[in-house]
PDB file of all heavy atoms in Angstrom:
ATOM      1  N   PHE A   1      10.087  84.491 -34.200  1.00  0.00           N
ATOM      2  CA  PHE A   1      10.134  83.103 -33.767  1.00  0.00           C
ATOM      3  C   PHE A   1      11.543  82.788 -33.286  1.00  0.00           C
ATOM      4  O   PHE A   1      12.509  83.087 -33.976  1.00  0.00           O
ATOM      5  CB  PHE A   1       9.780  82.164 -34.929  1.00  0.00           C
ATOM      6  CG  PHE A   1       8.341  82.242 -35.357  1.00  0.00           C
ATOM      7  CD1 PHE A   1       7.920  83.199 -36.258  1.00  0.00           C
ATOM      8  CD2 PHE A   1       7.414  81.354 -34.834  1.00  0.00           C
ATOM      9  CE1 PHE A   1       6.597  83.277 -36.652  1.00  0.00           C
ATOM     10  CE2 PHE A   1       6.083  81.427 -35.220  1.00  0.00           C
ATOM     11  CZ  PHE A   1       5.668  82.388 -36.132  1.00  0.00           C
ATOM     12  N   LYS A   2      11.636  82.197 -32.096  1.00  0.00           N
ATOM     13  CA  LYS A   2      12.943  81.772 -31.590  1.00  0.00           C
ATOM     14  C   LYS A   2      13.216  80.378 -32.149  1.00  0.00           C
ATOM     15  O   LYS A   2      12.595  79.404 -31.743  1.00  0.00           O
ATOM     16  CB  LYS A   2      12.994  81.745 -30.069  1.00  0.00           C
ATOM     17  CG  LYS A   2      14.377  81.333 -29.535  1.00  0.00           C
ATOM     18  CD  LYS A   2      14.463  81.342 -28.035  1.00  0.00           C
ATOM     19  CE  LYS A   2      14.616  82.707 -27.453  1.00  0.00           C
ATOM     20  NZ  LYS A   2      15.718  83.527 -27.888  1.00  0.00           N
ATOM     21  N   LEU A   3      14.137  80.318 -33.111  1.00  0.00           N
ATOM     22  CA  LEU A   3      14.514  79.036 -33.713  1.00  0.00           C
ATOM     23  C   LEU A   3      15.697  78.456 -32.970  1.00  0.00           C
ATOM     24  O   LEU A   3      16.633  79.173 -32.617  1.00  0.00           O
ATOM     25  CB  LEU A   3      14.891  79.207 -35.187  1.00  0.00           C
ATOM     26  CG  LEU A   3      13.820  79.656 -36.164  1.00  0.00           C
ATOM     27  CD1 LEU A   3      14.346  79.539 -37.595  1.00  0.00           C
ATOM     28  CD2 LEU A   3      12.548  78.849 -36.016  1.00  0.00           C
ATOM     29  N   SER A   4      15.644  77.161 -32.748  1.00  0.00           N
ATOM     30  CA  SER A   4      16.751  76.407 -32.153  1.00  0.00           C
ATOM     31  C   SER A   4      17.039  75.233 -33.066  1.00  0.00           C
ATOM     32  O   SER A   4      16.250  74.297 -33.141  1.00  0.00           O
ATOM     33  CB  SER A   4      16.377  75.897 -30.754  1.00  0.00           C
ATOM     34  OG  SER A   4      16.076  76.983 -29.906  1.00  0.00           O
ATOM     35  N   SER A   5      18.164  75.292 -33.754  1.00  0.00           N
ATOM     36  CA  SER A   5      18.544  74.248 -34.700  1.00  0.00           C
ATOM     37  C   SER A   5      19.384  73.190 -33.990  1.00  0.00           C
ATOM     38  O   SER A   5      20.074  73.500 -33.011  1.00  0.00           O
ATOM     39  CB  SER A   5      19.343  74.890 -35.842  1.00  0.00           C
ATOM     40  OG  SER A   5      19.718  73.937 -36.790  1.00  0.00           O
ATOM     41  N   PRO A   6      19.363  71.946 -34.467  1.00  0.00           N
ATOM     42  CA  PRO A   6      20.167  70.880 -33.846  1.00  0.00           C
ATOM     43  C   PRO A   6      21.673  71.180 -33.822  1.00  0.00           C
ATOM     44  O   PRO A   6      22.407  70.594 -33.041  1.00  0.00           O
ATOM     45  CB  PRO A   6      19.883  69.654 -34.724  1.00  0.00           C
ATOM     46  CG  PRO A   6      18.601  69.947 -35.398  1.00  0.00           C
ATOM     47  CD  PRO A   6      18.527  71.436 -35.550  1.00  0.00           C
ATOM     48  N   ASN A   7      22.126  72.115 -34.646  1.00  0.00           N
ATOM     49  CA  ASN A   7      23.555  72.434 -34.697  1.00  0.00           C
ATOM     50  C   ASN A   7      23.975  73.445 -33.630  1.00  0.00           C
ATOM     51  O   ASN A   7      25.110  73.894 -33.617  1.00  0.00           O
ATOM     52  CB  ASN A   7      23.934  72.958 -36.089  1.00  0.00           C
ATOM     53  CG  ASN A   7      23.301  74.293 -36.413  1.00  0.00           C
ATOM     54  OD1 ASN A   7      22.696  74.941 -35.578  1.00  0.00           O
ATOM     55  ND2 ASN A   7      23.419  74.704 -37.660  1.00  0.00           N
ATOM     56  N   GLY A   8      23.049  73.833 -32.748  1.00  0.00           N
ATOM     57  CA  GLY A   8      23.360  74.791 -31.692  1.00  0.00           C
ATOM     58  C   GLY A   8      22.909  76.208 -31.993  1.00  0.00           C
ATOM     59  O   GLY A   8      22.996  77.085 -31.138  1.00  0.00           O
ATOM     60  N   PHE A   9      22.417  76.454 -33.184  1.00  0.00           N
ATOM     61  CA  PHE A   9      21.916  77.768 -33.573  1.00  0.00           C
ATOM     62  C   PHE A   9      20.683  78.109 -32.746  1.00  0.00           C
ATOM     63  O   PHE A   9      19.763  77.301 -32.622  1.00  0.00           O
ATOM     64  CB  PHE A   9      21.559  77.738 -35.067  1.00  0.00           C
ATOM     65  CG  PHE A   9      20.798  78.941 -35.547  1.00  0.00           C
ATOM     66  CD1 PHE A   9      21.476  80.051 -36.008  1.00  0.00           C
ATOM     67  CD2 PHE A   9      19.418  78.951 -35.549  1.00  0.00           C
ATOM     68  CE1 PHE A   9      20.784  81.160 -36.478  1.00  0.00           C
ATOM     69  CE2 PHE A   9      18.711  80.056 -36.016  1.00  0.00           C
ATOM     70  CZ  PHE A   9      19.402  81.157 -36.472  1.00  0.00           C
ATOM     71  N   VAL A  10      20.659  79.300 -32.163  1.00  0.00           N
ATOM     72  CA  VAL A  10      19.477  79.835 -31.475  1.00  0.00           C
ATOM     73  C   VAL A  10      19.396  81.303 -31.849  1.00  0.00           C
ATOM     74  O   VAL A  10      20.358  82.058 -31.650  1.00  0.00           O
ATOM     75  CB  VAL A  10      19.578  79.679 -29.937  1.00  0.00           C
ATOM     76  CG1 VAL A  10      18.367  80.306 -29.259  1.00  0.00           C
ATOM     77  CG2 VAL A  10      19.746  78.231 -29.535  1.00  0.00           C
ATOM     78  N   HIS A  11      18.256  81.702 -32.406  1.00  0.00           N
ATOM     79  CA  HIS A  11      18.133  83.091 -32.868  1.00  0.00           C
ATOM     80  C   HIS A  11      16.665  83.431 -33.061  1.00  0.00           C
ATOM     81  O   HIS A  11      15.872  82.571 -33.462  1.00  0.00           O
ATOM     82  CB  HIS A  11      18.880  83.231 -34.200  1.00  0.00           C
ATOM     83  CG  HIS A  11      19.306  84.618 -34.526  1.00  0.00           C
ATOM     84  ND1 HIS A  11      18.429  85.594 -34.925  1.00  0.00           N
ATOM     85  CD2 HIS A  11      20.535  85.193 -34.523  1.00  0.00           C
ATOM     86  CE1 HIS A  11      19.098  86.713 -35.165  1.00  0.00           C
ATOM     87  NE2 HIS A  11      20.383  86.492 -34.922  1.00  0.00           N
ATOM     88  N   ASP A  12      16.300  84.677 -32.783  1.00  0.00           N
ATOM     89  CA  ASP A  12      14.961  85.175 -33.086  1.00  0.00           C
ATOM     90  C   ASP A  12      14.934  85.606 -34.544  1.00  0.00           C
ATOM     91  O   ASP A  12      15.808  86.373 -34.984  1.00  0.00           O
ATOM     92  CB  ASP A  12      14.602  86.366 -32.201  1.00  0.00           C
ATOM     93  CG  ASP A  12      14.374  85.974 -30.760  1.00  0.00           C
ATOM     94  OD1 ASP A  12      14.028  84.804 -30.508  1.00  0.00           O
ATOM     95  OD2 ASP A  12      14.543  86.833 -29.872  1.00  0.00           O
ATOM     96  N   VAL A  13      13.950  85.113 -35.287  1.00  0.00           N
ATOM     97  CA  VAL A  13      13.836  85.426 -36.713  1.00  0.00           C
ATOM     98  C   VAL A  13      12.392  85.780 -37.050  1.00  0.00           C
ATOM     99  O   VAL A  13      11.468  85.427 -36.316  1.00  0.00           O
ATOM    100  CB  VAL A  13      14.312  84.247 -37.607  1.00  0.00           C
ATOM    101  CG1 VAL A  13      15.767  83.894 -37.327  1.00  0.00           C
ATOM    102  CG2 VAL A  13      13.422  83.031 -37.446  1.00  0.00           C
ATOM    103  N   SER A  14      12.218  86.427 -38.180  1.00  0.00           N
ATOM    104  CA  SER A  14      10.869  86.741 -38.664  1.00  0.00           C
ATOM    105  C   SER A  14      10.158  85.462 -39.096  1.00  0.00           C
ATOM    106  O   SER A  14      10.792  84.419 -39.314  1.00  0.00           O
ATOM    107  CB  SER A  14      10.954  87.705 -39.849  1.00  0.00           C
ATOM    108  OG  SER A  14      11.513  87.037 -40.973  1.00  0.00           O
ATOM    109  N   ALA A  15       8.859  85.563 -39.259  1.00  0.00           N
ATOM    110  CA  ALA A  15       8.080  84.412 -39.738  1.00  0.00           C
ATOM    111  C   ALA A  15       8.551  83.988 -41.124  1.00  0.00           C
ATOM    112  O   ALA A  15       8.648  82.792 -41.419  1.00  0.00           O
ATOM    113  CB  ALA A  15       6.595  84.760 -39.763  1.00  0.00           C
ATOM    114  N   ASP A  16       8.876  84.963 -41.982  1.00  0.00           N
ATOM    115  CA  ASP A  16       9.343  84.650 -43.322  1.00  0.00           C
ATOM    116  C   ASP A  16      10.649  83.861 -43.270  1.00  0.00           C
ATOM    117  O   ASP A  16      10.791  82.839 -43.943  1.00  0.00           O
ATOM    118  CB  ASP A  16       9.516  85.931 -44.133  1.00  0.00           C
ATOM    119  CG  ASP A  16       9.806  85.650 -45.585  1.00  0.00           C
ATOM    120  OD1 ASP A  16       8.896  85.164 -46.287  1.00  0.00           O
ATOM    121  OD2 ASP A  16      10.947  85.901 -46.015  1.00  0.00           O
ATOM    122  N   THR A  17      11.586  84.315 -42.459  1.00  0.00           N
ATOM    123  CA  THR A  17      12.867  83.608 -42.324  1.00  0.00           C
ATOM    124  C   THR A  17      12.653  82.223 -41.728  1.00  0.00           C
ATOM    125  O   THR A  17      13.272  81.249 -42.178  1.00  0.00           O
ATOM    126  CB  THR A  17      13.845  84.436 -41.472  1.00  0.00           C
ATOM    127  OG1 THR A  17      14.065  85.697 -42.117  1.00  0.00           O
ATOM    128  CG2 THR A  17      15.166  83.728 -41.280  1.00  0.00           C
ATOM    129  N   ALA A  18      11.780  82.116 -40.745  1.00  0.00           N
ATOM    130  CA  ALA A  18      11.492  80.812 -40.144  1.00  0.00           C
ATOM    131  C   ALA A  18      10.954  79.843 -41.189  1.00  0.00           C
ATOM    132  O   ALA A  18      11.329  78.669 -41.222  1.00  0.00           O
ATOM    133  CB  ALA A  18      10.498  80.963 -38.993  1.00  0.00           C
ATOM    134  N   GLY A  19      10.085  80.334 -42.066  1.00  0.00           N
ATOM    135  CA  GLY A  19       9.539  79.489 -43.127  1.00  0.00           C
ATOM    136  C   GLY A  19      10.610  79.028 -44.100  1.00  0.00           C
ATOM    137  O   GLY A  19      10.631  77.863 -44.503  1.00  0.00           O
ATOM    138  N   VAL A  20      11.512  79.933 -44.471  1.00  0.00           N
ATOM    139  CA  VAL A  20      12.610  79.563 -45.370  1.00  0.00           C
ATOM    140  C   VAL A  20      13.454  78.466 -44.735  1.00  0.00           C
ATOM    141  O   VAL A  20      13.804  77.471 -45.379  1.00  0.00           O
ATOM    142  CB  VAL A  20      13.478  80.792 -45.724  1.00  0.00           C
ATOM    143  CG1 VAL A  20      14.763  80.377 -46.422  1.00  0.00           C
ATOM    144  CG2 VAL A  20      12.699  81.767 -46.591  1.00  0.00           C
ATOM    145  N   VAL A  21      13.765  78.610 -43.457  1.00  0.00           N
ATOM    146  CA  VAL A  21      14.581  77.610 -42.754  1.00  0.00           C
ATOM    147  C   VAL A  21      13.841  76.276 -42.672  1.00  0.00           C
ATOM    148  O   VAL A  21      14.418  75.220 -42.966  1.00  0.00           O
ATOM    149  CB  VAL A  21      14.977  78.122 -41.350  1.00  0.00           C
ATOM    150  CG1 VAL A  21      15.629  77.018 -40.528  1.00  0.00           C
ATOM    151  CG2 VAL A  21      15.914  79.331 -41.462  1.00  0.00           C
ATOM    152  N   ALA A  22      12.564  76.306 -42.305  1.00  0.00           N
ATOM    153  CA  ALA A  22      11.791  75.061 -42.210  1.00  0.00           C
ATOM    154  C   ALA A  22      11.723  74.361 -43.568  1.00  0.00           C
ATOM    155  O   ALA A  22      11.866  73.132 -43.656  1.00  0.00           O
ATOM    156  CB  ALA A  22      10.390  75.342 -41.672  1.00  0.00           C
ATOM    157  N   CYS A  23      11.539  75.129 -44.643  1.00  0.00           N
ATOM    158  CA  CYS A  23      11.506  74.539 -45.987  1.00  0.00           C
ATOM    159  C   CYS A  23      12.866  73.961 -46.353  1.00  0.00           C
ATOM    160  O   CYS A  23      12.940  72.879 -46.942  1.00  0.00           O
ATOM    161  CB  CYS A  23      11.073  75.576 -47.017  1.00  0.00           C
ATOM    162  SG  CYS A  23       9.314  75.952 -46.952  1.00  0.00           S
ATOM    163  N   GLY A  24      13.938  74.663 -46.004  1.00  0.00           N
ATOM    164  CA  GLY A  24      15.276  74.156 -46.280  1.00  0.00           C
ATOM    165  C   GLY A  24      15.517  72.813 -45.606  1.00  0.00           C
ATOM    166  O   GLY A  24      16.033  71.877 -46.226  1.00  0.00           O
ATOM    167  N   PHE A  25      15.130  72.692 -44.343  1.00  0.00           N
ATOM    168  CA  PHE A  25      15.272  71.423 -43.635  1.00  0.00           C
ATOM    169  C   PHE A  25      14.421  70.332 -44.286  1.00  0.00           C
ATOM    170  O   PHE A  25      14.877  69.195 -44.466  1.00  0.00           O
ATOM    171  CB  PHE A  25      14.887  71.565 -42.157  1.00  0.00           C
ATOM    172  CG  PHE A  25      16.015  71.960 -41.267  1.00  0.00           C
ATOM    173  CD1 PHE A  25      16.116  73.255 -40.787  1.00  0.00           C
ATOM    174  CD2 PHE A  25      16.996  71.048 -40.888  1.00  0.00           C
ATOM    175  CE1 PHE A  25      17.157  73.629 -39.962  1.00  0.00           C
ATOM    176  CE2 PHE A  25      18.040  71.413 -40.064  1.00  0.00           C
ATOM    177  CZ  PHE A  25      18.123  72.715 -39.595  1.00  0.00           C
ATOM    178  N   ALA A  26      13.182  70.669 -44.632  1.00  0.00           N
ATOM    179  CA  ALA A  26      12.282  69.675 -45.235  1.00  0.00           C
ATOM    180  C   ALA A  26      12.819  69.205 -46.585  1.00  0.00           C
ATOM    181  O   ALA A  26      12.843  67.999 -46.869  1.00  0.00           O
ATOM    182  CB  ALA A  26      10.874  70.250 -45.381  1.00  0.00           C
ATOM    183  N   TYR A  27      13.260  70.131 -47.440  1.00  0.00           N
ATOM    184  CA  TYR A  27      13.813  69.753 -48.744  1.00  0.00           C
ATOM    185  C   TYR A  27      15.038  68.868 -48.575  1.00  0.00           C
ATOM    186  O   TYR A  27      15.185  67.862 -49.271  1.00  0.00           O
ATOM    187  CB  TYR A  27      14.193  70.977 -49.566  1.00  0.00           C
ATOM    188  CG  TYR A  27      13.047  71.808 -50.071  1.00  0.00           C
ATOM    189  CD1 TYR A  27      13.228  73.163 -50.311  1.00  0.00           C
ATOM    190  CD2 TYR A  27      11.797  71.263 -50.335  1.00  0.00           C
ATOM    191  CE1 TYR A  27      12.196  73.947 -50.801  1.00  0.00           C
ATOM    192  CE2 TYR A  27      10.767  72.044 -50.821  1.00  0.00           C
ATOM    193  CZ  TYR A  27      10.980  73.391 -51.050  1.00  0.00           C
ATOM    194  OH  TYR A  27       9.951  74.158 -51.537  1.00  0.00           O
ATOM    195  N   SER A  28      15.922  69.254 -47.666  1.00  0.00           N
ATOM    196  CA  SER A  28      17.134  68.462 -47.442  1.00  0.00           C
ATOM    197  C   SER A  28      16.772  67.050 -46.977  1.00  0.00           C
ATOM    198  O   SER A  28      17.278  66.061 -47.508  1.00  0.00           O
ATOM    199  CB  SER A  28      18.020  69.148 -46.411  1.00  0.00           C
ATOM    200  OG  SER A  28      19.153  68.355 -46.125  1.00  0.00           O
ATOM    201  N   HIS A  29      15.893  66.970 -46.003  1.00  0.00           N
ATOM    202  CA  HIS A  29      15.463  65.669 -45.467  1.00  0.00           C
ATOM    203  C   HIS A  29      14.841  64.798 -46.563  1.00  0.00           C
ATOM    204  O   HIS A  29      15.179  63.620 -46.694  1.00  0.00           O
ATOM    205  CB  HIS A  29      14.469  65.907 -44.334  1.00  0.00           C
ATOM    206  CG  HIS A  29      13.888  64.667 -43.756  1.00  0.00           C
ATOM    207  ND1 HIS A  29      14.584  63.843 -42.900  1.00  0.00           N
ATOM    208  CD2 HIS A  29      12.672  64.099 -43.922  1.00  0.00           C
ATOM    209  CE1 HIS A  29      13.817  62.825 -42.563  1.00  0.00           C
ATOM    210  NE2 HIS A  29      12.658  62.958 -43.162  1.00  0.00           N
ATOM    211  N   MET A  30      13.969  65.390 -47.362  1.00  0.00           N
ATOM    212  CA  MET A  30      13.260  64.609 -48.375  1.00  0.00           C
ATOM    213  C   MET A  30      14.123  64.290 -49.589  1.00  0.00           C
ATOM    214  O   MET A  30      13.781  63.414 -50.376  1.00  0.00           O
ATOM    215  CB  MET A  30      11.969  65.315 -48.770  1.00  0.00           C
ATOM    216  CG  MET A  30      10.979  65.329 -47.589  1.00  0.00           C
ATOM    217  SD  MET A  30       9.373  65.996 -47.993  1.00  0.00           S
ATOM    218  CE  MET A  30       8.738  64.704 -49.049  1.00  0.00           C
ATOM    219  N   SER A  31      15.255  64.952 -49.726  1.00  0.00           N
ATOM    220  CA  SER A  31      16.147  64.653 -50.852  1.00  0.00           C
ATOM    221  C   SER A  31      16.744  63.254 -50.737  1.00  0.00           C
ATOM    222  O   SER A  31      17.269  62.726 -51.720  1.00  0.00           O
ATOM    223  CB  SER A  31      17.261  65.698 -50.951  1.00  0.00           C
ATOM    224  OG  SER A  31      18.192  65.550 -49.906  1.00  0.00           O
ATOM    225  N   PHE A  32      16.636  62.637 -49.561  1.00  0.00           N
ATOM    226  CA  PHE A  32      17.161  61.289 -49.366  1.00  0.00           C
ATOM    227  C   PHE A  32      16.139  60.202 -49.670  1.00  0.00           C
ATOM    228  O   PHE A  32      16.448  59.014 -49.557  1.00  0.00           O
ATOM    229  CB  PHE A  32      17.701  61.135 -47.940  1.00  0.00           C
ATOM    230  CG  PHE A  32      18.923  61.973 -47.699  1.00  0.00           C
ATOM    231  CD1 PHE A  32      18.828  63.206 -47.086  1.00  0.00           C
ATOM    232  CD2 PHE A  32      20.165  61.543 -48.136  1.00  0.00           C
ATOM    233  CE1 PHE A  32      19.948  63.996 -46.891  1.00  0.00           C
ATOM    234  CE2 PHE A  32      21.290  62.320 -47.955  1.00  0.00           C
ATOM    235  CZ  PHE A  32      21.185  63.552 -47.325  1.00  0.00           C
ATOM    236  N   LEU A  33      14.944  60.597 -50.090  1.00  0.00           N
ATOM    237  CA  LEU A  33      13.960  59.606 -50.520  1.00  0.00           C
ATOM    238  C   LEU A  33      14.438  58.922 -51.797  1.00  0.00           C
ATOM    239  O   LEU A  33      15.305  59.431 -52.501  1.00  0.00           O
ATOM    240  CB  LEU A  33      12.612  60.276 -50.805  1.00  0.00           C
ATOM    241  CG  LEU A  33      11.878  60.888 -49.625  1.00  0.00           C
ATOM    242  CD1 LEU A  33      10.637  61.639 -50.114  1.00  0.00           C
ATOM    243  CD2 LEU A  33      11.484  59.826 -48.622  1.00  0.00           C
TER     244      LEU A  33
END
């Protein structure tokens, strides 16, 4: 999966790595609830 993060990061990663990154973003975002 080619991930493009808002910080300028662009990289091809495995599905497992993509899931870890997506979960990290979701946890961080929801920590402000």
